[in-house]
Amino acid sequence: MKLSTIGIDLLKHFEGCETLAYQDSVGVWTIGYGHTKGVYEGMTVSQEGAEELLAHELEEYEGYINDIPKVALTQCQFDGLVCWVYNLGPTNLRSSTLLKVLNEENYGDVPFQMRRWDKAGGVVLKGLTRRRVAESMLFEGKDWTTYLEETT
């Protein structure tokens, strides 16, 4: 499966696009739409370059969701999980209760498990809380943009 336009919209909304490298909330150098590999202080990227980095990275993160869960997924479930793993990485997915309940086909508990991951450096961040709610809504096939409208 591939990330849908709706999934890409969610990911871009929460990642934002920065053309100058910056350190994220835990000090990781980041550029474009959350790209971290090989990023260094002072690095720049064009908007077109940021789109290319995202397209390349999505292949990797789509692969994690195509390979790691052992159950069938709908497009919305796939999209929510790709956005989640894009932010948190495959190591967190592999060791998570989220994956355990998903592989038990307990799809109804997955949104709760997704929302638990709203901390950076042990601190709850409002932006991560909002992102996790949106990702969990997408997983459930709901319009995540309505949540954003309610919280702004």
N, C-alpha and C. Protein backbone atom coordinates (compact mmCIF):
# COMPACT_ATOMS: atom_id res chain seq x y z
N MET A 1 0.85 -1.19 0.00
CA MET A 1 0.00 0.00 0.00
C MET A 1 0.89 1.25 0.00
N LYS A 2 0.30 2.33 -0.42
CA LYS A 2 0.97 3.63 -0.45
C LYS A 2 0.14 4.62 0.36
N LEU A 3 0.80 5.62 0.92
CA LEU A 3 0.11 6.66 1.68
C LEU A 3 -0.80 7.46 0.74
N SER A 4 -2.04 7.64 1.16
CA SER A 4 -3.01 8.38 0.34
C SER A 4 -2.77 9.89 0.45
N THR A 5 -3.45 10.63 -0.38
CA THR A 5 -3.38 12.09 -0.34
C THR A 5 -3.80 12.61 1.03
N ILE A 6 -4.82 12.00 1.62
CA ILE A 6 -5.29 12.41 2.94
C ILE A 6 -4.19 12.19 3.98
N GLY A 7 -3.50 11.08 3.90
CA GLY A 7 -2.39 10.80 4.80
C GLY A 7 -1.24 11.77 4.60
N ILE A 8 -0.92 12.07 3.35
CA ILE A 8 0.15 13.03 3.06
C ILE A 8 -0.22 14.40 3.61
N ASP A 9 -1.49 14.79 3.47
CA ASP A 9 -1.94 16.08 4.00
C ASP A 9 -1.74 16.15 5.51
N LEU A 10 -2.10 15.07 6.22
CA LEU A 10 -1.92 15.05 7.68
C LEU A 10 -0.43 15.16 8.02
N LEU A 11 0.37 14.36 7.38
CA LEU A 11 1.80 14.36 7.65
C LEU A 11 2.40 15.74 7.41
N LYS A 12 2.09 16.34 6.28
CA LYS A 12 2.63 17.67 5.97
C LYS A 12 2.13 18.72 6.97
N HIS A 13 0.88 18.60 7.37
CA HIS A 13 0.33 19.57 8.32
C HIS A 13 1.12 19.55 9.62
N PHE A 14 1.37 18.37 10.15
CA PHE A 14 2.03 18.28 11.45
C PHE A 14 3.54 18.40 11.37
N GLU A 15 4.14 17.97 10.29
CA GLU A 15 5.59 18.12 10.16
C GLU A 15 5.95 19.57 9.82
N GLY A 16 5.10 20.21 9.01
CA GLY A 16 5.48 21.52 8.50
C GLY A 16 6.68 21.36 7.57
N CYS A 17 7.01 22.40 6.86
CA CYS A 17 8.16 22.34 5.95
C CYS A 17 9.12 23.46 6.31
N GLU A 18 10.31 23.09 6.68
CA GLU A 18 11.37 24.04 7.00
C GLU A 18 12.50 23.87 6.00
N THR A 19 12.88 24.95 5.34
CA THR A 19 13.93 24.87 4.34
C THR A 19 15.32 25.11 4.93
N LEU A 20 15.37 25.53 6.19
CA LEU A 20 16.64 25.69 6.91
C LEU A 20 16.64 24.71 8.07
N ALA A 21 17.72 23.96 8.22
CA ALA A 21 17.81 22.96 9.28
C ALA A 21 17.58 23.61 10.65
N TYR A 22 16.87 22.88 11.50
CA TYR A 22 16.58 23.34 12.87
C TYR A 22 16.65 22.12 13.79
N GLN A 23 16.77 22.37 15.08
CA GLN A 23 16.75 21.28 16.04
C GLN A 23 15.33 21.13 16.57
N ASP A 24 14.82 19.90 16.53
CA ASP A 24 13.46 19.64 17.02
C ASP A 24 13.43 19.70 18.54
N SER A 25 12.29 19.33 19.12
CA SER A 25 12.09 19.48 20.57
C SER A 25 13.04 18.64 21.42
N VAL A 26 13.67 17.65 20.82
CA VAL A 26 14.65 16.86 21.57
C VAL A 26 16.07 17.03 21.01
N GLY A 27 16.26 18.06 20.19
CA GLY A 27 17.60 18.42 19.73
C GLY A 27 18.10 17.74 18.47
N VAL A 28 17.23 17.06 17.73
CA VAL A 28 17.63 16.37 16.50
C VAL A 28 17.56 17.36 15.33
N TRP A 29 18.64 17.44 14.56
CA TRP A 29 18.64 18.31 13.39
C TRP A 29 17.65 17.78 12.36
N THR A 30 16.81 18.68 11.86
CA THR A 30 15.67 18.32 11.01
C THR A 30 15.55 19.35 9.90
N ILE A 31 15.07 18.91 8.74
CA ILE A 31 14.84 19.81 7.61
C ILE A 31 13.68 19.28 6.77
N GLY A 32 13.12 20.13 5.93
CA GLY A 32 12.01 19.70 5.07
C GLY A 32 10.81 19.29 5.90
N TYR A 33 10.19 18.19 5.54
CA TYR A 33 9.03 17.66 6.26
C TYR A 33 9.48 16.61 7.27
N GLY A 34 10.27 17.02 8.24
CA GLY A 34 10.68 16.11 9.30
C GLY A 34 11.83 15.18 8.94
N HIS A 35 12.57 15.50 7.90
CA HIS A 35 13.71 14.68 7.48
C HIS A 35 14.87 14.88 8.46
N THR A 36 15.46 13.78 8.93
CA THR A 36 16.54 13.87 9.92
C THR A 36 17.85 13.20 9.49
N LYS A 37 17.82 12.36 8.52
CA LYS A 37 19.03 11.62 8.13
C LYS A 37 20.04 12.54 7.44
N GLY A 38 21.24 12.63 8.03
CA GLY A 38 22.30 13.42 7.41
C GLY A 38 22.13 14.92 7.51
N VAL A 39 21.21 15.39 8.33
CA VAL A 39 20.95 16.83 8.45
C VAL A 39 21.96 17.44 9.42
N TYR A 40 22.43 18.62 9.09
CA TYR A 40 23.42 19.31 9.92
C TYR A 40 23.08 20.80 10.02
N GLU A 41 23.64 21.43 11.01
CA GLU A 41 23.41 22.85 11.25
C GLU A 41 23.79 23.64 10.00
N GLY A 42 22.93 24.57 9.60
CA GLY A 42 23.18 25.41 8.44
C GLY A 42 22.72 24.82 7.12
N MET A 43 22.30 23.58 7.10
CA MET A 43 21.84 22.92 5.88
C MET A 43 20.56 23.59 5.38
N THR A 44 20.43 23.71 4.06
CA THR A 44 19.21 24.26 3.46
C THR A 44 18.71 23.30 2.39
N VAL A 45 17.43 23.45 2.07
CA VAL A 45 16.80 22.66 1.02
C VAL A 45 15.73 23.54 0.37
N SER A 46 15.53 23.38 -0.91
CA SER A 46 14.45 24.09 -1.60
C SER A 46 13.12 23.40 -1.30
N GLN A 47 12.01 24.04 -1.63
CA GLN A 47 10.71 23.40 -1.47
C GLN A 47 10.65 22.13 -2.31
N GLU A 48 11.17 22.21 -3.53
CA GLU A 48 11.19 21.03 -4.40
C GLU A 48 12.05 19.92 -3.77
N GLY A 49 13.17 20.30 -3.19
CA GLY A 49 14.03 19.33 -2.52
C GLY A 49 13.34 18.69 -1.33
N ALA A 50 12.58 19.49 -0.58
CA ALA A 50 11.84 18.97 0.57
C ALA A 50 10.80 17.95 0.11
N GLU A 51 10.12 18.23 -1.00
CA GLU A 51 9.14 17.29 -1.55
C GLU A 51 9.82 15.99 -1.97
N GLU A 52 11.00 16.09 -2.57
CA GLU A 52 11.74 14.90 -3.00
C GLU A 52 12.19 14.07 -1.79
N LEU A 53 12.68 14.75 -0.74
CA LEU A 53 13.08 14.04 0.48
C LEU A 53 11.88 13.29 1.07
N LEU A 54 10.73 13.96 1.10
CA LEU A 54 9.53 13.34 1.65
C LEU A 54 9.14 12.11 0.83
N ALA A 55 9.12 12.25 -0.48
CA ALA A 55 8.74 11.12 -1.34
C ALA A 55 9.67 9.93 -1.11
N HIS A 56 10.96 10.20 -1.00
CA HIS A 56 11.93 9.13 -0.75
C HIS A 56 11.71 8.49 0.61
N GLU A 57 11.50 9.31 1.64
CA GLU A 57 11.29 8.80 2.99
C GLU A 57 9.98 8.01 3.09
N LEU A 58 8.95 8.46 2.39
CA LEU A 58 7.68 7.76 2.47
C LEU A 58 7.80 6.31 2.00
N GLU A 59 8.62 6.06 1.01
CA GLU A 59 8.82 4.68 0.56
C GLU A 59 9.29 3.81 1.73
N GLU A 60 10.23 4.34 2.51
CA GLU A 60 10.76 3.60 3.66
C GLU A 60 9.67 3.38 4.71
N TYR A 61 8.94 4.43 5.07
CA TYR A 61 7.96 4.32 6.15
C TYR A 61 6.71 3.55 5.73
N GLU A 62 6.33 3.65 4.48
CA GLU A 62 5.25 2.80 3.97
C GLU A 62 5.68 1.33 4.07
N GLY A 63 6.95 1.08 3.79
CA GLY A 63 7.48 -0.28 3.89
C GLY A 63 7.35 -0.85 5.28
N TYR A 64 7.61 -0.03 6.31
CA TYR A 64 7.47 -0.52 7.68
C TYR A 64 6.04 -0.98 7.94
N ILE A 65 5.06 -0.20 7.48
CA ILE A 65 3.66 -0.56 7.76
C ILE A 65 3.19 -1.68 6.83
N ASN A 66 3.79 -1.80 5.69
CA ASN A 66 3.48 -2.95 4.83
C ASN A 66 4.08 -4.24 5.37
N ASP A 67 5.19 -4.14 6.11
CA ASP A 67 5.93 -5.33 6.54
C ASP A 67 5.74 -5.73 8.00
N ILE A 68 5.67 -4.77 8.91
CA ILE A 68 5.70 -5.11 10.35
C ILE A 68 4.36 -5.64 10.87
N PRO A 69 3.25 -4.94 10.69
CA PRO A 69 1.98 -5.53 11.16
C PRO A 69 1.67 -6.81 10.40
N LYS A 70 1.06 -7.74 11.09
CA LYS A 70 0.76 -9.05 10.49
C LYS A 70 -0.73 -9.23 10.22
N VAL A 71 -1.47 -8.12 10.12
CA VAL A 71 -2.91 -8.16 9.88
C VAL A 71 -3.25 -7.29 8.69
N ALA A 72 -4.42 -7.51 8.14
CA ALA A 72 -4.89 -6.70 7.03
C ALA A 72 -5.27 -5.30 7.53
N LEU A 73 -4.99 -4.30 6.70
CA LEU A 73 -5.30 -2.91 7.05
C LEU A 73 -6.12 -2.27 5.94
N THR A 74 -7.04 -1.41 6.34
CA THR A 74 -7.73 -0.56 5.37
C THR A 74 -6.80 0.59 4.99
N GLN A 75 -7.17 1.34 3.98
CA GLN A 75 -6.34 2.49 3.58
C GLN A 75 -6.22 3.49 4.73
N CYS A 76 -7.31 3.78 5.41
CA CYS A 76 -7.27 4.74 6.52
C CYS A 76 -6.38 4.25 7.66
N GLN A 77 -6.49 2.97 7.98
CA GLN A 77 -5.64 2.41 9.03
C GLN A 77 -4.17 2.50 8.63
N PHE A 78 -3.89 2.15 7.40
CA PHE A 78 -2.52 2.24 6.88
C PHE A 78 -2.01 3.68 6.97
N ASP A 79 -2.82 4.62 6.53
CA ASP A 79 -2.42 6.03 6.54
C ASP A 79 -2.09 6.51 7.95
N GLY A 80 -2.97 6.22 8.89
CA GLY A 80 -2.75 6.64 10.27
C GLY A 80 -1.46 6.07 10.83
N LEU A 81 -1.20 4.80 10.53
CA LEU A 81 0.01 4.15 11.03
C LEU A 81 1.27 4.66 10.36
N VAL A 82 1.22 4.95 9.07
CA VAL A 82 2.40 5.51 8.39
C VAL A 82 2.75 6.87 9.00
N CYS A 83 1.75 7.72 9.22
CA CYS A 83 2.01 9.04 9.81
C CYS A 83 2.59 8.89 11.21
N TRP A 84 2.07 7.94 11.98
CA TRP A 84 2.55 7.68 13.34
C TRP A 84 4.00 7.21 13.33
N VAL A 85 4.32 6.24 12.48
CA VAL A 85 5.67 5.68 12.46
C VAL A 85 6.66 6.66 11.83
N TYR A 86 6.19 7.52 10.95
CA TYR A 86 7.06 8.55 10.36
C TYR A 86 7.60 9.46 11.46
N ASN A 87 6.79 9.73 12.45
CA ASN A 87 7.18 10.60 13.55
C ASN A 87 7.95 9.85 14.63
N LEU A 88 7.60 8.59 14.88
CA LEU A 88 8.16 7.86 16.02
C LEU A 88 9.19 6.80 15.66
N GLY A 89 9.22 6.36 14.42
CA GLY A 89 10.21 5.39 13.99
C GLY A 89 9.78 3.94 14.17
N PRO A 90 10.42 3.05 13.41
CA PRO A 90 10.05 1.64 13.42
C PRO A 90 10.43 0.92 14.72
N THR A 91 11.47 1.36 15.40
CA THR A 91 11.86 0.71 16.65
C THR A 91 10.76 0.85 17.68
N ASN A 92 10.19 2.05 17.80
CA ASN A 92 9.07 2.25 18.72
C ASN A 92 7.86 1.41 18.32
N LEU A 93 7.61 1.31 17.03
CA LEU A 93 6.48 0.48 16.57
C LEU A 93 6.69 -0.98 16.97
N ARG A 94 7.88 -1.50 16.67
CA ARG A 94 8.15 -2.92 16.93
C ARG A 94 7.99 -3.29 18.41
N SER A 95 8.32 -2.36 19.31
CA SER A 95 8.28 -2.66 20.74
C SER A 95 6.99 -2.18 21.42
N SER A 96 6.04 -1.70 20.65
CA SER A 96 4.86 -1.05 21.22
C SER A 96 3.71 -2.01 21.54
N THR A 97 2.94 -1.60 22.54
CA THR A 97 1.67 -2.28 22.82
C THR A 97 0.72 -2.07 21.63
N LEU A 98 0.85 -0.94 20.96
CA LEU A 98 0.04 -0.67 19.77
C LEU A 98 0.15 -1.83 18.78
N LEU A 99 1.38 -2.24 18.47
CA LEU A 99 1.57 -3.33 17.51
C LEU A 99 0.98 -4.64 18.04
N LYS A 100 1.14 -4.87 19.33
CA LYS A 100 0.61 -6.09 19.94
C LYS A 100 -0.91 -6.15 19.77
N VAL A 101 -1.62 -5.06 20.11
CA VAL A 101 -3.08 -5.08 20.00
C VAL A 101 -3.52 -5.10 18.54
N LEU A 102 -2.77 -4.43 17.68
CA LEU A 102 -3.08 -4.47 16.25
C LEU A 102 -2.97 -5.90 15.72
N ASN A 103 -1.88 -6.57 16.05
CA ASN A 103 -1.68 -7.94 15.56
C ASN A 103 -2.65 -8.94 16.18
N GLU A 104 -3.29 -8.56 17.28
CA GLU A 104 -4.36 -9.37 17.86
C GLU A 104 -5.70 -9.04 17.22
N GLU A 105 -5.67 -8.18 16.19
CA GLU A 105 -6.86 -7.71 15.49
C GLU A 105 -7.81 -6.96 16.40
N ASN A 106 -7.27 -6.33 17.43
CA ASN A 106 -8.04 -5.48 18.33
C ASN A 106 -7.98 -4.05 17.78
N TYR A 107 -8.56 -3.86 16.61
CA TYR A 107 -8.48 -2.58 15.91
C TYR A 107 -9.08 -1.44 16.74
N GLY A 108 -10.07 -1.74 17.55
CA GLY A 108 -10.72 -0.71 18.36
C GLY A 108 -9.83 -0.11 19.42
N ASP A 109 -8.80 -0.81 19.86
CA ASP A 109 -7.89 -0.29 20.89
C ASP A 109 -6.71 0.46 20.29
N VAL A 110 -6.48 0.32 19.00
CA VAL A 110 -5.33 0.95 18.36
C VAL A 110 -5.35 2.48 18.50
N PRO A 111 -6.48 3.16 18.27
CA PRO A 111 -6.46 4.62 18.44
C PRO A 111 -6.01 5.07 19.83
N PHE A 112 -6.47 4.38 20.88
CA PHE A 112 -6.03 4.71 22.24
C PHE A 112 -4.52 4.52 22.36
N GLN A 113 -4.01 3.43 21.81
CA GLN A 113 -2.58 3.17 21.88
C GLN A 113 -1.78 4.23 21.11
N MET A 114 -2.30 4.68 19.99
CA MET A 114 -1.62 5.72 19.21
C MET A 114 -1.52 7.00 20.03
N ARG A 115 -2.61 7.36 20.70
CA ARG A 115 -2.66 8.62 21.45
C ARG A 115 -1.74 8.64 22.67
N ARG A 116 -1.32 7.48 23.15
CA ARG A 116 -0.43 7.41 24.31
C ARG A 116 0.94 8.01 24.02
N TRP A 117 1.33 8.09 22.78
CA TRP A 117 2.68 8.51 22.38
C TRP A 117 2.73 10.02 22.14
N ASP A 118 2.46 10.80 23.17
CA ASP A 118 2.40 12.26 23.02
C ASP A 118 3.48 13.00 23.81
N LYS A 119 4.60 12.30 24.07
CA LYS A 119 5.68 12.90 24.85
C LYS A 119 6.96 12.97 24.03
N ALA A 120 7.76 14.00 24.33
CA ALA A 120 9.12 14.12 23.79
C ALA A 120 10.01 14.44 24.97
N GLY A 121 11.04 13.64 25.16
CA GLY A 121 11.90 13.84 26.31
C GLY A 121 11.16 13.67 27.63
N GLY A 122 10.10 12.84 27.64
CA GLY A 122 9.33 12.58 28.84
C GLY A 122 8.28 13.63 29.17
N VAL A 123 8.14 14.64 28.32
CA VAL A 123 7.20 15.74 28.56
C VAL A 123 6.08 15.70 27.52
N VAL A 124 4.84 15.78 28.00
CA VAL A 124 3.69 15.84 27.09
C VAL A 124 3.76 17.16 26.32
N LEU A 125 3.68 17.07 25.00
CA LEU A 125 3.68 18.26 24.15
C LEU A 125 2.32 18.39 23.48
N LYS A 126 1.75 19.58 23.59
CA LYS A 126 0.42 19.84 23.03
C LYS A 126 0.36 19.48 21.54
N GLY A 127 1.40 19.83 20.81
CA GLY A 127 1.43 19.52 19.38
C GLY A 127 1.41 18.03 19.11
N LEU A 128 2.11 17.25 19.93
CA LEU A 128 2.08 15.80 19.76
C LEU A 128 0.73 15.22 20.15
N THR A 129 0.12 15.79 21.18
CA THR A 129 -1.22 15.33 21.58
C THR A 129 -2.19 15.55 20.42
N ARG A 130 -2.14 16.73 19.81
CA ARG A 130 -3.01 17.03 18.68
C ARG A 130 -2.74 16.09 17.50
N ARG A 131 -1.45 15.86 17.26
CA ARG A 131 -1.08 14.98 16.15
C ARG A 131 -1.59 13.57 16.39
N ARG A 132 -1.43 13.05 17.58
CA ARG A 132 -1.85 11.68 17.87
C ARG A 132 -3.37 11.54 17.75
N VAL A 133 -4.11 12.55 18.19
CA VAL A 133 -5.57 12.49 18.02
C VAL A 133 -5.91 12.45 16.53
N ALA A 134 -5.27 13.31 15.75
CA ALA A 134 -5.54 13.35 14.31
C ALA A 134 -5.17 12.02 13.64
N GLU A 135 -4.01 11.46 14.00
CA GLU A 135 -3.60 10.18 13.42
C GLU A 135 -4.58 9.07 13.80
N SER A 136 -5.03 9.09 15.05
CA SER A 136 -5.97 8.05 15.48
C SER A 136 -7.32 8.22 14.79
N MET A 137 -7.74 9.45 14.56
CA MET A 137 -8.98 9.68 13.82
C MET A 137 -8.85 9.17 12.39
N LEU A 138 -7.71 9.44 11.77
CA LEU A 138 -7.48 8.95 10.41
C LEU A 138 -7.52 7.42 10.40
N PHE A 139 -6.87 6.79 11.37
CA PHE A 139 -6.90 5.33 11.49
C PHE A 139 -8.34 4.82 11.51
N GLU A 140 -9.22 5.55 12.21
CA GLU A 140 -10.63 5.15 12.33
C GLU A 140 -11.48 5.54 11.12
N GLY A 141 -10.87 6.22 10.15
CA GLY A 141 -11.62 6.64 8.97
C GLY A 141 -12.41 7.92 9.17
N LYS A 142 -12.07 8.67 10.22
CA LYS A 142 -12.76 9.93 10.50
C LYS A 142 -12.01 11.10 9.88
N ASP A 143 -12.72 12.20 9.72
CA ASP A 143 -12.13 13.42 9.16
C ASP A 143 -11.32 14.13 10.25
N TRP A 144 -10.02 13.95 10.23
CA TRP A 144 -9.14 14.52 11.25
C TRP A 144 -9.12 16.05 11.21
N THR A 145 -9.48 16.65 10.09
CA THR A 145 -9.45 18.11 10.00
C THR A 145 -10.54 18.75 10.87
N THR A 146 -11.62 18.01 11.14
CA THR A 146 -12.66 18.56 12.01
C THR A 146 -12.14 18.74 13.42
N TYR A 147 -11.26 17.85 13.87
CA TYR A 147 -10.65 17.97 15.19
C TYR A 147 -9.80 19.24 15.25
N LEU A 148 -9.06 19.52 14.20
CA LEU A 148 -8.22 20.72 14.18
C LEU A 148 -9.08 21.97 14.27
N GLU A 149 -10.20 21.96 13.56
CA GLU A 149 -11.11 23.11 13.60
C GLU A 149 -11.67 23.32 15.00
N GLU A 150 -11.93 22.23 15.72
CA GLU A 150 -12.47 22.31 17.08
C GLU A 150 -11.44 22.80 18.08
N THR A 151 -10.15 22.58 17.82
CA THR A 151 -9.11 22.90 18.80
C THR A 151 -8.37 24.20 18.51
N THR A 152 -8.75 24.89 17.46
CA THR A 152 -8.07 26.15 17.16
C THR A 152 -8.93 27.34 17.54
